Amino acid sequence: MDLGIIGQAAGLFAVTNIDDILILALFFAKGAGHPGSTRRIVLGQYLGFTAILAVAVAAAFGATFLPGSAVPYLGLLPLALGLKAARQAWKDHRDGSEDRAEERSGEGGPSPLEVAAVTFANGGDNIGVYVPVLATAGIGGMSVYAAVFLVLVAVWCFAGRFFATRPVVAEALARWGHILLPLVLITIGLLILVEGGAFGL
């Protein structure tokens, strides 16, 4: 296996997904204390990134399932989830029912589909970067890129959980996470929409 390609794949993944560590840390903080939340977050991250990879590979082979003009509208996903989280945080704060809300939530923490939706939307612009790289890598190189990417998803999940469980960070996220998560999701959604020129913005 070519170490050069492995290094290039690792570098490409790191550069295009550095912001995911913050989002994952917020998700892990939200799921703290809820049994099975780590498994659900990791599953959601893999679902979202696998979808990105599948679209990029398909596009590299010439079957573009996601037109370039549609990519900016992926920003609606994190925007909607951020607004939903903000509404819930405001409702819990107003009712003084944060503890009861956690009890009602059953499993608690973000669902795999929520994490997958944010991961896919936030990484939608990465598809445009991945396609030419994968298209010129050939079948063998493409397989190496895919394998390295999928291994690094696990590393990213570990890093996100690591940061979320550091005492100082965990205390800050526990105190401000219910505000930060909606804020980050809404910001990501708006940035994707504005930078992509959605709705003529």
N, C-alpha and C. Protein backbone atom coordinates (compact mmCIF):
# COMPACT_ATOMS: atom_id res chain seq x y z
N MET A 1 0.85 -1.19 0.00
CA MET A 1 0.00 0.00 0.00
C MET A 1 0.89 1.25 0.00
N ASP A 2 0.58 2.19 -0.85
CA ASP A 2 1.39 3.40 -1.01
C ASP A 2 1.20 4.33 0.19
N LEU A 3 2.29 4.53 0.95
CA LEU A 3 2.22 5.41 2.11
C LEU A 3 1.94 6.85 1.71
N GLY A 4 2.37 7.22 0.50
CA GLY A 4 2.12 8.57 0.01
C GLY A 4 0.63 8.84 -0.11
N ILE A 5 -0.10 7.87 -0.67
CA ILE A 5 -1.55 8.04 -0.84
C ILE A 5 -2.23 8.08 0.53
N ILE A 6 -1.76 7.23 1.46
CA ILE A 6 -2.34 7.22 2.80
C ILE A 6 -2.16 8.59 3.46
N GLY A 7 -0.96 9.15 3.32
CA GLY A 7 -0.69 10.47 3.89
C GLY A 7 -1.54 11.56 3.26
N GLN A 8 -1.69 11.49 1.93
CA GLN A 8 -2.52 12.47 1.23
C GLN A 8 -3.98 12.36 1.67
N ALA A 9 -4.45 11.11 1.81
CA ALA A 9 -5.84 10.88 2.22
C ALA A 9 -6.07 11.42 3.63
N ALA A 10 -5.12 11.15 4.53
CA ALA A 10 -5.24 11.62 5.91
C ALA A 10 -5.23 13.14 5.97
N GLY A 11 -4.35 13.75 5.19
CA GLY A 11 -4.28 15.21 5.16
C GLY A 11 -5.55 15.83 4.61
N LEU A 12 -6.08 15.24 3.54
CA LEU A 12 -7.31 15.75 2.92
C LEU A 12 -8.47 15.64 3.88
N PHE A 13 -8.57 14.52 4.57
CA PHE A 13 -9.66 14.33 5.54
C PHE A 13 -9.56 15.36 6.66
N ALA A 14 -8.35 15.53 7.20
CA ALA A 14 -8.16 16.44 8.33
C ALA A 14 -8.53 17.88 7.95
N VAL A 15 -8.07 18.31 6.78
CA VAL A 15 -8.32 19.69 6.34
C VAL A 15 -9.81 19.95 6.11
N THR A 16 -10.51 18.96 5.55
CA THR A 16 -11.91 19.17 5.20
C THR A 16 -12.88 18.86 6.32
N ASN A 17 -12.40 18.27 7.41
CA ASN A 17 -13.32 17.87 8.49
C ASN A 17 -12.92 18.39 9.87
N ILE A 18 -12.02 19.36 9.92
CA ILE A 18 -11.54 19.85 11.21
C ILE A 18 -12.68 20.41 12.07
N ASP A 19 -13.68 21.04 11.43
CA ASP A 19 -14.78 21.62 12.20
C ASP A 19 -15.69 20.56 12.80
N ASP A 20 -15.64 19.33 12.28
CA ASP A 20 -16.48 18.26 12.79
C ASP A 20 -16.13 17.90 14.23
N ILE A 21 -14.89 18.13 14.64
CA ILE A 21 -14.50 17.78 16.01
C ILE A 21 -15.29 18.61 17.02
N LEU A 22 -15.48 19.90 16.73
CA LEU A 22 -16.27 20.76 17.61
C LEU A 22 -17.72 20.28 17.66
N ILE A 23 -18.28 19.99 16.50
CA ILE A 23 -19.67 19.54 16.44
C ILE A 23 -19.83 18.22 17.20
N LEU A 24 -18.88 17.30 17.00
CA LEU A 24 -18.94 16.02 17.71
C LEU A 24 -18.82 16.22 19.22
N ALA A 25 -17.95 17.12 19.65
CA ALA A 25 -17.81 17.40 21.08
C ALA A 25 -19.12 17.90 21.66
N LEU A 26 -19.81 18.76 20.91
CA LEU A 26 -21.10 19.27 21.37
C LEU A 26 -22.14 18.15 21.43
N PHE A 27 -22.14 17.27 20.43
CA PHE A 27 -23.06 16.14 20.44
C PHE A 27 -22.78 15.22 21.63
N PHE A 28 -21.50 14.93 21.87
CA PHE A 28 -21.14 14.05 22.99
C PHE A 28 -21.52 14.69 24.33
N ALA A 29 -21.35 16.01 24.42
CA ALA A 29 -21.74 16.71 25.64
C ALA A 29 -23.24 16.63 25.84
N LYS A 30 -23.99 16.76 24.76
CA LYS A 30 -25.46 16.69 24.83
C LYS A 30 -25.90 15.29 25.27
N GLY A 31 -25.14 14.27 24.84
CA GLY A 31 -25.51 12.90 25.17
C GLY A 31 -24.93 12.40 26.47
N ALA A 32 -24.15 13.23 27.17
CA ALA A 32 -23.50 12.80 28.42
C ALA A 32 -24.53 12.31 29.42
N GLY A 33 -24.26 11.15 30.00
CA GLY A 33 -25.15 10.60 31.02
C GLY A 33 -26.29 9.78 30.48
N HIS A 34 -26.43 9.73 29.15
CA HIS A 34 -27.49 8.95 28.53
C HIS A 34 -26.91 7.64 27.99
N PRO A 35 -27.37 6.50 28.50
CA PRO A 35 -26.84 5.21 28.03
C PRO A 35 -26.97 5.05 26.52
N GLY A 36 -25.91 4.60 25.88
CA GLY A 36 -25.95 4.32 24.45
C GLY A 36 -25.77 5.54 23.56
N SER A 37 -25.59 6.73 24.16
CA SER A 37 -25.49 7.93 23.32
C SER A 37 -24.22 7.92 22.47
N THR A 38 -23.11 7.41 23.03
CA THR A 38 -21.87 7.34 22.26
C THR A 38 -22.05 6.49 21.02
N ARG A 39 -22.68 5.33 21.18
CA ARG A 39 -22.92 4.44 20.04
C ARG A 39 -23.79 5.12 18.99
N ARG A 40 -24.82 5.84 19.43
CA ARG A 40 -25.72 6.50 18.48
C ARG A 40 -25.02 7.63 17.73
N ILE A 41 -24.16 8.38 18.43
CA ILE A 41 -23.43 9.48 17.79
C ILE A 41 -22.43 8.94 16.77
N VAL A 42 -21.69 7.89 17.16
CA VAL A 42 -20.71 7.29 16.24
C VAL A 42 -21.44 6.72 15.02
N LEU A 43 -22.56 6.04 15.25
CA LEU A 43 -23.35 5.49 14.14
C LEU A 43 -23.80 6.61 13.20
N GLY A 44 -24.30 7.70 13.78
CA GLY A 44 -24.76 8.82 12.97
C GLY A 44 -23.63 9.46 12.18
N GLN A 45 -22.46 9.58 12.80
CA GLN A 45 -21.30 10.16 12.11
C GLN A 45 -20.90 9.28 10.93
N TYR A 46 -20.91 7.96 11.15
CA TYR A 46 -20.56 7.04 10.06
C TYR A 46 -21.61 7.07 8.95
N LEU A 47 -22.89 7.14 9.32
CA LEU A 47 -23.95 7.20 8.31
C LEU A 47 -23.79 8.45 7.44
N GLY A 48 -23.57 9.60 8.10
CA GLY A 48 -23.44 10.86 7.38
C GLY A 48 -22.22 10.89 6.49
N PHE A 49 -21.07 10.43 7.02
CA PHE A 49 -19.86 10.49 6.22
C PHE A 49 -19.87 9.45 5.10
N THR A 50 -20.45 8.28 5.37
CA THR A 50 -20.55 7.26 4.32
C THR A 50 -21.40 7.77 3.17
N ALA A 51 -22.45 8.53 3.48
CA ALA A 51 -23.28 9.12 2.44
C ALA A 51 -22.48 10.12 1.60
N ILE A 52 -21.66 10.95 2.27
CA ILE A 52 -20.79 11.90 1.56
C ILE A 52 -19.84 11.14 0.64
N LEU A 53 -19.22 10.10 1.18
CA LEU A 53 -18.25 9.31 0.42
C LEU A 53 -18.92 8.62 -0.77
N ALA A 54 -20.13 8.10 -0.55
CA ALA A 54 -20.85 7.41 -1.63
C ALA A 54 -21.18 8.36 -2.77
N VAL A 55 -21.62 9.57 -2.43
CA VAL A 55 -21.93 10.56 -3.47
C VAL A 55 -20.66 10.97 -4.21
N ALA A 56 -19.57 11.16 -3.47
CA ALA A 56 -18.30 11.57 -4.09
C ALA A 56 -17.77 10.48 -5.02
N VAL A 57 -17.84 9.21 -4.59
CA VAL A 57 -17.39 8.11 -5.43
C VAL A 57 -18.26 7.99 -6.68
N ALA A 58 -19.57 8.10 -6.50
CA ALA A 58 -20.49 8.01 -7.64
C ALA A 58 -20.21 9.14 -8.63
N ALA A 59 -19.98 10.35 -8.09
CA ALA A 59 -19.70 11.49 -8.96
C ALA A 59 -18.36 11.30 -9.68
N ALA A 60 -17.39 10.69 -8.99
CA ALA A 60 -16.08 10.44 -9.61
C ALA A 60 -16.22 9.47 -10.78
N PHE A 61 -17.21 8.58 -10.69
CA PHE A 61 -17.47 7.65 -11.78
C PHE A 61 -18.41 8.24 -12.84
N GLY A 62 -18.84 9.48 -12.60
CA GLY A 62 -19.68 10.16 -13.59
C GLY A 62 -21.17 10.12 -13.31
N ALA A 63 -21.58 9.48 -12.23
CA ALA A 63 -23.01 9.44 -11.91
C ALA A 63 -23.26 10.45 -10.80
N THR A 64 -23.53 11.67 -11.16
CA THR A 64 -23.71 12.73 -10.18
C THR A 64 -25.12 12.70 -9.62
N PHE A 65 -25.24 12.13 -8.41
CA PHE A 65 -26.55 12.05 -7.77
C PHE A 65 -26.96 13.38 -7.15
N LEU A 66 -25.96 14.21 -6.84
CA LEU A 66 -26.25 15.46 -6.17
C LEU A 66 -25.74 16.62 -7.03
N PRO A 67 -26.62 17.27 -7.79
CA PRO A 67 -26.19 18.39 -8.63
C PRO A 67 -25.52 19.47 -7.80
N GLY A 68 -24.52 20.13 -8.38
CA GLY A 68 -23.81 21.18 -7.67
C GLY A 68 -24.74 22.27 -7.17
N SER A 69 -25.80 22.55 -7.93
CA SER A 69 -26.73 23.61 -7.53
C SER A 69 -27.52 23.25 -6.28
N ALA A 70 -27.56 21.95 -5.93
CA ALA A 70 -28.33 21.52 -4.75
C ALA A 70 -27.52 21.58 -3.47
N VAL A 71 -26.19 21.59 -3.59
CA VAL A 71 -25.32 21.54 -2.40
C VAL A 71 -25.59 22.67 -1.41
N PRO A 72 -25.74 23.95 -1.86
CA PRO A 72 -25.98 25.01 -0.88
C PRO A 72 -27.23 24.79 -0.03
N TYR A 73 -28.24 24.11 -0.59
CA TYR A 73 -29.49 23.92 0.14
C TYR A 73 -29.38 22.86 1.23
N LEU A 74 -28.23 22.15 1.28
CA LEU A 74 -27.98 21.24 2.39
C LEU A 74 -27.91 22.01 3.70
N GLY A 75 -27.64 23.31 3.60
CA GLY A 75 -27.59 24.14 4.80
C GLY A 75 -28.91 24.19 5.54
N LEU A 76 -30.00 23.85 4.86
CA LEU A 76 -31.30 23.85 5.52
C LEU A 76 -31.38 22.78 6.61
N LEU A 77 -30.61 21.68 6.46
CA LEU A 77 -30.64 20.60 7.45
C LEU A 77 -30.11 21.04 8.82
N PRO A 78 -28.84 21.50 8.91
CA PRO A 78 -28.38 21.96 10.23
C PRO A 78 -29.14 23.18 10.72
N LEU A 79 -29.61 24.04 9.81
CA LEU A 79 -30.38 25.21 10.22
C LEU A 79 -31.67 24.77 10.92
N ALA A 80 -32.37 23.82 10.32
CA ALA A 80 -33.62 23.32 10.90
C ALA A 80 -33.37 22.63 12.24
N LEU A 81 -32.31 21.81 12.30
CA LEU A 81 -31.99 21.11 13.56
C LEU A 81 -31.56 22.11 14.64
N GLY A 82 -30.82 23.14 14.23
CA GLY A 82 -30.39 24.16 15.18
C GLY A 82 -31.57 24.94 15.74
N LEU A 83 -32.51 25.30 14.86
CA LEU A 83 -33.71 26.02 15.32
C LEU A 83 -34.55 25.15 16.25
N LYS A 84 -34.63 23.85 15.92
CA LYS A 84 -35.37 22.92 16.78
C LYS A 84 -34.72 22.81 18.15
N ALA A 85 -33.37 22.69 18.17
CA ALA A 85 -32.64 22.60 19.44
C ALA A 85 -32.78 23.89 20.24
N ALA A 86 -32.75 25.03 19.54
CA ALA A 86 -32.88 26.32 20.22
C ALA A 86 -34.27 26.46 20.84
N ARG A 87 -35.28 26.03 20.11
CA ARG A 87 -36.66 26.10 20.62
C ARG A 87 -36.82 25.24 21.86
N GLN A 88 -36.23 24.02 21.81
CA GLN A 88 -36.32 23.11 22.95
C GLN A 88 -35.57 23.67 24.16
N ALA A 89 -34.38 24.25 23.91
CA ALA A 89 -33.59 24.83 25.00
C ALA A 89 -34.34 26.00 25.64
N TRP A 90 -34.97 26.83 24.81
CA TRP A 90 -35.73 27.96 25.33
C TRP A 90 -36.93 27.49 26.13
N LYS A 91 -37.61 26.46 25.63
CA LYS A 91 -38.77 25.92 26.32
C LYS A 91 -38.37 25.33 27.67
N ASP A 92 -37.27 24.56 27.69
CA ASP A 92 -36.79 23.96 28.94
C ASP A 92 -36.38 25.04 29.95
N HIS A 93 -35.70 26.08 29.44
CA HIS A 93 -35.27 27.17 30.32
C HIS A 93 -36.47 27.92 30.88
N ARG A 94 -37.44 28.19 30.03
CA ARG A 94 -38.63 28.94 30.45
C ARG A 94 -39.45 28.16 31.47
N ASP A 95 -39.56 26.85 31.23
CA ASP A 95 -40.36 26.01 32.13
C ASP A 95 -39.57 25.54 33.34
N GLY A 96 -38.23 25.77 33.29
CA GLY A 96 -37.38 25.28 34.37
C GLY A 96 -37.43 23.77 34.47
N SER A 97 -37.50 23.14 33.27
CA SER A 97 -37.75 21.69 33.25
C SER A 97 -36.66 20.93 32.53
N GLU A 98 -35.42 21.37 32.61
CA GLU A 98 -34.33 20.69 31.91
C GLU A 98 -34.18 19.25 32.39
N ASP A 99 -34.29 19.04 33.71
CA ASP A 99 -34.14 17.69 34.23
C ASP A 99 -35.30 16.81 33.80
N ARG A 100 -36.53 17.36 33.84
CA ARG A 100 -37.68 16.58 33.43
C ARG A 100 -37.64 16.28 31.95
N ALA A 101 -37.11 17.22 31.17
CA ALA A 101 -37.01 17.00 29.73
C ALA A 101 -36.09 15.83 29.45
N GLU A 102 -34.99 15.72 30.21
CA GLU A 102 -34.07 14.61 30.01
C GLU A 102 -34.75 13.30 30.37
N GLU A 103 -35.58 13.32 31.44
CA GLU A 103 -36.27 12.10 31.83
C GLU A 103 -37.26 11.66 30.77
N ARG A 104 -37.95 12.65 30.15
CA ARG A 104 -38.95 12.32 29.13
C ARG A 104 -38.31 11.83 27.85
N SER A 105 -37.04 12.20 27.63
CA SER A 105 -36.41 11.90 26.34
C SER A 105 -36.05 10.44 26.17
N GLY A 106 -36.18 9.61 27.23
CA GLY A 106 -35.91 8.19 27.10
C GLY A 106 -34.43 7.95 26.94
N GLU A 107 -34.02 7.63 25.73
CA GLU A 107 -32.61 7.35 25.48
C GLU A 107 -31.76 8.60 25.71
N GLY A 108 -32.27 9.74 25.34
CA GLY A 108 -31.55 10.99 25.54
C GLY A 108 -30.43 11.18 24.54
N GLY A 109 -29.99 12.44 24.41
CA GLY A 109 -28.91 12.74 23.49
C GLY A 109 -29.40 12.74 22.05
N PRO A 110 -28.52 13.12 21.13
CA PRO A 110 -28.90 13.19 19.72
C PRO A 110 -29.12 11.80 19.11
N SER A 111 -30.03 11.73 18.16
CA SER A 111 -30.29 10.46 17.47
C SER A 111 -29.28 10.28 16.34
N PRO A 112 -29.08 9.04 15.88
CA PRO A 112 -28.16 8.81 14.75
C PRO A 112 -28.53 9.62 13.52
N LEU A 113 -29.84 9.77 13.25
CA LEU A 113 -30.26 10.51 12.05
C LEU A 113 -29.96 11.99 12.17
N GLU A 114 -30.08 12.55 13.39
CA GLU A 114 -29.73 13.96 13.59
C GLU A 114 -28.24 14.19 13.32
N VAL A 115 -27.42 13.32 13.89
CA VAL A 115 -25.97 13.44 13.69
C VAL A 115 -25.62 13.25 12.22
N ALA A 116 -26.24 12.24 11.58
CA ALA A 116 -25.98 11.97 10.17
C ALA A 116 -26.36 13.15 9.29
N ALA A 117 -27.51 13.76 9.60
CA ALA A 117 -27.98 14.90 8.79
C ALA A 117 -27.01 16.07 8.89
N VAL A 118 -26.55 16.37 10.11
CA VAL A 118 -25.60 17.48 10.30
C VAL A 118 -24.27 17.16 9.63
N THR A 119 -23.81 15.92 9.79
CA THR A 119 -22.54 15.51 9.18
C THR A 119 -22.59 15.64 7.67
N PHE A 120 -23.68 15.16 7.08
CA PHE A 120 -23.81 15.21 5.62
C PHE A 120 -23.91 16.64 5.12
N ALA A 121 -24.74 17.44 5.79
CA ALA A 121 -24.91 18.83 5.37
C ALA A 121 -23.61 19.62 5.52
N ASN A 122 -22.94 19.43 6.66
CA ASN A 122 -21.70 20.17 6.91
C ASN A 122 -20.59 19.74 5.95
N GLY A 123 -20.64 18.46 5.51
CA GLY A 123 -19.61 17.96 4.61
C GLY A 123 -20.00 17.99 3.15
N GLY A 124 -21.17 18.57 2.86
CA GLY A 124 -21.65 18.59 1.48
C GLY A 124 -20.69 19.29 0.53
N ASP A 125 -20.06 20.37 1.02
CA ASP A 125 -19.12 21.09 0.16
C ASP A 125 -17.82 20.32 -0.02
N ASN A 126 -17.58 19.33 0.86
CA ASN A 126 -16.37 18.50 0.71
C ASN A 126 -16.45 17.62 -0.53
N ILE A 127 -17.67 17.33 -0.95
CA ILE A 127 -17.86 16.45 -2.12
C ILE A 127 -17.13 17.03 -3.32
N GLY A 128 -17.23 18.35 -3.50
CA GLY A 128 -16.57 19.01 -4.62
C GLY A 128 -15.06 18.89 -4.57
N VAL A 129 -14.51 18.75 -3.34
CA VAL A 129 -13.07 18.58 -3.19
C VAL A 129 -12.68 17.13 -3.44
N TYR A 130 -13.52 16.20 -2.93
CA TYR A 130 -13.20 14.78 -3.03
C TYR A 130 -13.30 14.24 -4.46
N VAL A 131 -14.28 14.73 -5.22
CA VAL A 131 -14.54 14.15 -6.55
C VAL A 131 -13.32 14.15 -7.47
N PRO A 132 -12.68 15.30 -7.71
CA PRO A 132 -11.52 15.28 -8.62
C PRO A 132 -10.36 14.42 -8.09
N VAL A 133 -10.18 14.42 -6.77
CA VAL A 133 -9.11 13.61 -6.18
C VAL A 133 -9.38 12.13 -6.41
N LEU A 134 -10.61 11.70 -6.13
CA LEU A 134 -10.98 10.29 -6.30
C LEU A 134 -10.97 9.90 -7.77
N ALA A 135 -11.42 10.82 -8.64
CA ALA A 135 -11.49 10.51 -10.07
C ALA A 135 -10.11 10.26 -10.67
N THR A 136 -9.10 10.93 -10.14
CA THR A 136 -7.75 10.77 -10.69
C THR A 136 -6.94 9.71 -9.94
N ALA A 137 -7.50 9.17 -8.86
CA ALA A 137 -6.76 8.20 -8.04
C ALA A 137 -6.83 6.78 -8.59
N GLY A 138 -7.81 6.51 -9.46
CA GLY A 138 -7.98 5.15 -9.95
C GLY A 138 -8.69 4.29 -8.91
N ILE A 139 -9.06 3.07 -9.30
CA ILE A 139 -9.81 2.19 -8.40
C ILE A 139 -9.01 1.88 -7.14
N GLY A 140 -7.73 1.53 -7.32
CA GLY A 140 -6.89 1.19 -6.17
C GLY A 140 -6.73 2.36 -5.22
N GLY A 141 -6.41 3.52 -5.77
CA GLY A 141 -6.23 4.72 -4.95
C GLY A 141 -7.52 5.13 -4.27
N MET A 142 -8.62 4.99 -4.99
CA MET A 142 -9.93 5.33 -4.44
C MET A 142 -10.24 4.46 -3.22
N SER A 143 -9.89 3.18 -3.31
CA SER A 143 -10.11 2.26 -2.19
C SER A 143 -9.29 2.66 -0.97
N VAL A 144 -8.06 3.12 -1.21
CA VAL A 144 -7.20 3.56 -0.12
C VAL A 144 -7.79 4.80 0.54
N TYR A 145 -8.21 5.77 -0.28
CA TYR A 145 -8.82 6.99 0.25
C TYR A 145 -10.03 6.65 1.10
N ALA A 146 -10.91 5.77 0.58
CA ALA A 146 -12.12 5.41 1.31
C ALA A 146 -11.79 4.73 2.64
N ALA A 147 -10.82 3.82 2.62
CA ALA A 147 -10.43 3.11 3.84
C ALA A 147 -9.86 4.07 4.88
N VAL A 148 -8.96 4.96 4.44
CA VAL A 148 -8.35 5.93 5.35
C VAL A 148 -9.42 6.86 5.93
N PHE A 149 -10.31 7.34 5.08
CA PHE A 149 -11.39 8.23 5.53
C PHE A 149 -12.23 7.56 6.61
N LEU A 150 -12.61 6.30 6.38
CA LEU A 150 -13.49 5.61 7.33
C LEU A 150 -12.79 5.31 8.65
N VAL A 151 -11.49 5.05 8.59
CA VAL A 151 -10.72 4.86 9.83
C VAL A 151 -10.65 6.18 10.60
N LEU A 152 -10.44 7.27 9.87
CA LEU A 152 -10.30 8.58 10.52
C LEU A 152 -11.62 9.09 11.09
N VAL A 153 -12.75 8.61 10.57
CA VAL A 153 -14.04 8.95 11.19
C VAL A 153 -14.04 8.49 12.65
N ALA A 154 -13.53 7.27 12.88
CA ALA A 154 -13.45 6.74 14.24
C ALA A 154 -12.51 7.59 15.10
N VAL A 155 -11.39 8.02 14.51
CA VAL A 155 -10.44 8.88 15.23
C VAL A 155 -11.11 10.20 15.60
N TRP A 156 -11.87 10.76 14.67
CA TRP A 156 -12.57 12.03 14.91
C TRP A 156 -13.60 11.87 16.03
N CYS A 157 -14.32 10.74 16.02
CA CYS A 157 -15.30 10.47 17.08
C CYS A 157 -14.60 10.38 18.44
N PHE A 158 -13.47 9.69 18.47
CA PHE A 158 -12.70 9.57 19.70
C PHE A 158 -12.24 10.95 20.18
N ALA A 159 -11.74 11.78 19.24
CA ALA A 159 -11.27 13.12 19.60
C ALA A 159 -12.41 13.98 20.13
N GLY A 160 -13.57 13.91 19.47
CA GLY A 160 -14.72 14.69 19.92
C GLY A 160 -15.16 14.29 21.31
N ARG A 161 -15.18 12.98 21.57
CA ARG A 161 -15.56 12.49 22.90
C ARG A 161 -14.49 12.85 23.93
N PHE A 162 -13.22 12.78 23.52
CA PHE A 162 -12.12 13.13 24.42
C PHE A 162 -12.26 14.57 24.90
N PHE A 163 -12.48 15.50 23.95
CA PHE A 163 -12.60 16.91 24.33
C PHE A 163 -13.84 17.14 25.19
N ALA A 164 -14.92 16.44 24.86
CA ALA A 164 -16.17 16.63 25.60
C ALA A 164 -16.09 16.12 27.03
N THR A 165 -15.14 15.21 27.30
CA THR A 165 -15.03 14.62 28.64
C THR A 165 -13.87 15.18 29.46
N ARG A 166 -13.12 16.15 28.90
CA ARG A 166 -12.09 16.81 29.72
C ARG A 166 -12.82 17.66 30.76
N PRO A 167 -12.39 17.62 32.02
CA PRO A 167 -13.13 18.31 33.08
C PRO A 167 -13.50 19.77 32.77
N VAL A 168 -12.52 20.56 32.33
CA VAL A 168 -12.79 21.98 32.07
C VAL A 168 -13.76 22.13 30.90
N VAL A 169 -13.47 21.38 29.81
CA VAL A 169 -14.33 21.46 28.63
C VAL A 169 -15.71 20.91 28.94
N ALA A 170 -15.75 19.78 29.65
CA ALA A 170 -17.03 19.15 29.98
C ALA A 170 -17.90 20.08 30.82
N GLU A 171 -17.25 20.77 31.78
CA GLU A 171 -18.01 21.70 32.63
C GLU A 171 -18.57 22.85 31.80
N ALA A 172 -17.74 23.38 30.88
CA ALA A 172 -18.20 24.48 30.03
C ALA A 172 -19.33 24.03 29.10
N LEU A 173 -19.17 22.82 28.51
CA LEU A 173 -20.19 22.32 27.61
C LEU A 173 -21.47 21.99 28.36
N ALA A 174 -21.34 21.47 29.58
CA ALA A 174 -22.53 21.16 30.38
C ALA A 174 -23.30 22.44 30.71
N ARG A 175 -22.53 23.52 30.91
CA ARG A 175 -23.18 24.79 31.28
C ARG A 175 -23.72 25.54 30.06
N TRP A 176 -22.95 25.49 28.96
CA TRP A 176 -23.32 26.31 27.80
C TRP A 176 -23.67 25.49 26.56
N GLY A 177 -23.56 24.16 26.63
CA GLY A 177 -23.79 23.32 25.46
C GLY A 177 -25.17 23.49 24.85
N HIS A 178 -26.20 23.68 25.73
CA HIS A 178 -27.56 23.81 25.21
C HIS A 178 -27.73 25.10 24.40
N ILE A 179 -26.80 26.05 24.59
CA ILE A 179 -26.81 27.28 23.79
C ILE A 179 -25.87 27.14 22.60
N LEU A 180 -24.68 26.54 22.85
CA LEU A 180 -23.68 26.43 21.79
C LEU A 180 -24.13 25.53 20.65
N LEU A 181 -24.76 24.39 20.96
CA LEU A 181 -25.14 23.45 19.90
C LEU A 181 -26.10 24.09 18.90
N PRO A 182 -27.21 24.69 19.35
CA PRO A 182 -28.09 25.36 18.37
C PRO A 182 -27.37 26.48 17.62
N LEU A 183 -26.54 27.25 18.35
CA LEU A 183 -25.81 28.36 17.72
C LEU A 183 -24.88 27.88 16.63
N VAL A 184 -24.11 26.81 16.92
CA VAL A 184 -23.18 26.26 15.93
C VAL A 184 -23.94 25.70 14.73
N LEU A 185 -25.02 24.96 14.98
CA LEU A 185 -25.80 24.37 13.88
C LEU A 185 -26.43 25.45 13.00
N ILE A 186 -27.01 26.46 13.63
CA ILE A 186 -27.63 27.56 12.86
C ILE A 186 -26.57 28.30 12.05
N THR A 187 -25.40 28.56 12.67
CA THR A 187 -24.32 29.25 11.97
C THR A 187 -23.84 28.45 10.77
N ILE A 188 -23.64 27.13 10.97
CA ILE A 188 -23.21 26.27 9.86
C ILE A 188 -24.24 26.30 8.75
N GLY A 189 -25.51 26.18 9.12
CA GLY A 189 -26.57 26.19 8.10
C GLY A 189 -26.57 27.48 7.30
N LEU A 190 -26.47 28.62 8.00
CA LEU A 190 -26.48 29.91 7.32
C LEU A 190 -25.25 30.08 6.44
N LEU A 191 -24.08 29.64 6.93
CA LEU A 191 -22.85 29.76 6.14
C LEU A 191 -22.95 28.94 4.85
N ILE A 192 -23.48 27.72 4.96
CA ILE A 192 -23.62 26.88 3.77
C ILE A 192 -24.56 27.53 2.77
N LEU A 193 -25.67 28.07 3.26
CA LEU A 193 -26.65 28.72 2.39
C LEU A 193 -26.07 29.97 1.73
N VAL A 194 -25.42 30.83 2.55
CA VAL A 194 -24.91 32.11 2.03
C VAL A 194 -23.72 31.88 1.09
N GLU A 195 -22.75 31.06 1.51
CA GLU A 195 -21.57 30.84 0.68
C GLU A 195 -21.90 30.11 -0.62
N GLY A 196 -22.95 29.31 -0.57
CA GLY A 196 -23.34 28.59 -1.79
C GLY A 196 -24.27 29.39 -2.69
N GLY A 197 -24.72 30.57 -2.21
CA GLY A 197 -25.59 31.40 -3.03
C GLY A 197 -27.03 30.91 -3.10
N ALA A 198 -27.45 30.14 -2.09
CA ALA A 198 -28.83 29.66 -2.06
C ALA A 198 -29.79 30.83 -1.92
N PHE A 199 -30.93 30.75 -2.58
CA PHE A 199 -31.97 31.77 -2.54
C PHE A 199 -31.43 33.14 -2.97
N GLY A 200 -30.34 33.14 -3.76
CA GLY A 200 -29.78 34.38 -4.25
C GLY A 200 -29.07 35.20 -3.19
N LEU A 201 -28.68 34.53 -2.06
CA LEU A 201 -28.01 35.25 -0.97
C LEU A 201 -26.57 35.61 -1.34
